[in-house]
Amino acid sequence: MKKVNILGTLYKIYFDAPDEKLPEGCDGCMDQSIHQIRIAKLESSRNSLMNLKE
């Protein structure tokens, strides 16, 4: 988990969120009522970037 300040509001970011914690077909979501951002685990495919840090 990482915390980030977005326009004065502190949000918690959860990486590698399980599918059951995300809306169907989404790679991530944000819930402004509880100040959380969830990002799905990256599934590499032939269309994925080779070096995500770049």
C-alpha atoms as a PDB file:
ATOM      1  CA  MET A   1       0.000   0.000   0.000  1.00  0.00           C
ATOM      2  CA  LYS A   2       1.139   3.508  -0.806  1.00  0.00           C
ATOM      3  CA  LYS A   3      -0.366   6.823   0.215  1.00  0.00           C
ATOM      4  CA  VAL A   4      -0.636   9.822  -2.081  1.00  0.00           C
ATOM      5  CA  ASN A   5      -1.984  13.344  -1.631  1.00  0.00           C
ATOM      6  CA  ILE A   6      -4.384  14.323  -4.421  1.00  0.00           C
ATOM      7  CA  LEU A   7      -5.526  17.954  -4.248  1.00  0.00           C
ATOM      8  CA  GLY A   8      -5.268  17.965  -0.453  1.00  0.00           C
ATOM      9  CA  THR A   9      -6.953  14.596   0.092  1.00  0.00           C
ATOM     10  CA  LEU A  10      -4.920  11.586   1.223  1.00  0.00           C
ATOM     11  CA  TYR A  11      -5.653   8.431  -0.794  1.00  0.00           C
ATOM     12  CA  LYS A  12      -4.419   4.882  -0.171  1.00  0.00           C
ATOM     13  CA  ILE A  13      -3.281   3.009  -3.286  1.00  0.00           C
ATOM     14  CA  TYR A  14      -3.492  -0.782  -3.275  1.00  0.00           C
ATOM     15  CA  PHE A  15      -1.496  -2.567  -5.967  1.00  0.00           C
ATOM     16  CA  ASP A  16      -2.181  -6.126  -7.206  1.00  0.00           C
ATOM     17  CA  ALA A  17      -5.806  -5.944  -6.054  1.00  0.00           C
ATOM     18  CA  PRO A  18      -7.724  -9.226  -6.451  1.00  0.00           C
ATOM     19  CA  ASP A  19     -10.403  -9.369  -9.152  1.00  0.00           C
ATOM     20  CA  GLU A  20     -13.224  -9.616  -6.604  1.00  0.00           C
ATOM     21  CA  LYS A  21     -12.243  -6.153  -5.263  1.00  0.00           C
ATOM     22  CA  LEU A  22     -12.580  -4.535  -8.727  1.00  0.00           C
ATOM     23  CA  PRO A  23     -15.559  -3.892 -11.007  1.00  0.00           C
ATOM     24  CA  GLU A  24     -15.924  -6.497 -13.746  1.00  0.00           C
ATOM     25  CA  GLY A  25     -13.588  -5.931 -16.678  1.00  0.00           C
ATOM     26  CA  CYS A  26     -11.592  -3.151 -14.978  1.00  0.00           C
ATOM     27  CA  ASP A  27      -7.860  -2.856 -14.412  1.00  0.00           C
ATOM     28  CA  GLY A  28      -8.322  -0.396 -11.576  1.00  0.00           C
ATOM     29  CA  CYS A  29     -10.837   1.743  -9.730  1.00  0.00           C
ATOM     30  CA  MET A  30     -11.099   4.682  -7.347  1.00  0.00           C
ATOM     31  CA  ASP A  31     -13.566   5.047  -4.479  1.00  0.00           C
ATOM     32  CA  GLN A  32     -13.761   8.682  -3.435  1.00  0.00           C
ATOM     33  CA  SER A  33     -16.071   7.927  -0.499  1.00  0.00           C
ATOM     34  CA  ILE A  34     -13.333   5.970   1.329  1.00  0.00           C
ATOM     35  CA  HIS A  35     -10.303   7.543  -0.412  1.00  0.00           C
ATOM     36  CA  GLN A  36      -8.925   4.360  -1.956  1.00  0.00           C
ATOM     37  CA  ILE A  37      -7.434   3.511  -5.341  1.00  0.00           C
ATOM     38  CA  ARG A  38      -7.125  -0.149  -6.364  1.00  0.00           C
ATOM     39  CA  ILE A  39      -4.959  -1.330  -9.244  1.00  0.00           C
ATOM     40  CA  ALA A  40      -5.163  -4.877 -10.617  1.00  0.00           C
ATOM     41  CA  LYS A  41      -2.162  -7.141 -10.954  1.00  0.00           C
ATOM     42  CA  LEU A  42      -0.604  -6.690 -14.370  1.00  0.00           C
ATOM     43  CA  GLU A  43      -1.189  -9.623 -16.663  1.00  0.00           C
ATOM     44  CA  SER A  44       1.417  -9.398 -19.387  1.00  0.00           C
ATOM     45  CA  SER A  45       0.299  -9.958 -22.940  1.00  0.00           C
ATOM     46  CA  ARG A  46       1.784  -9.298 -26.335  1.00  0.00           C
ATOM     47  CA  ASN A  47       0.350  -5.752 -26.169  1.00  0.00           C
ATOM     48  CA  SER A  48       2.004  -4.967 -22.804  1.00  0.00           C
ATOM     49  CA  LEU A  49       4.978  -2.681 -22.468  1.00  0.00           C
ATOM     50  CA  MET A  50       8.250  -4.520 -21.958  1.00  0.00           C
ATOM     51  CA  ASN A  51       9.601  -2.127 -19.323  1.00  0.00           C
ATOM     52  CA  LEU A  52       6.835  -0.520 -17.259  1.00  0.00           C
ATOM     53  CA  LYS A  53       9.239   1.652 -15.249  1.00  0.00           C
ATOM     54  CA  GLU A  54      10.292   3.435 -18.438  1.00  0.00           C
END
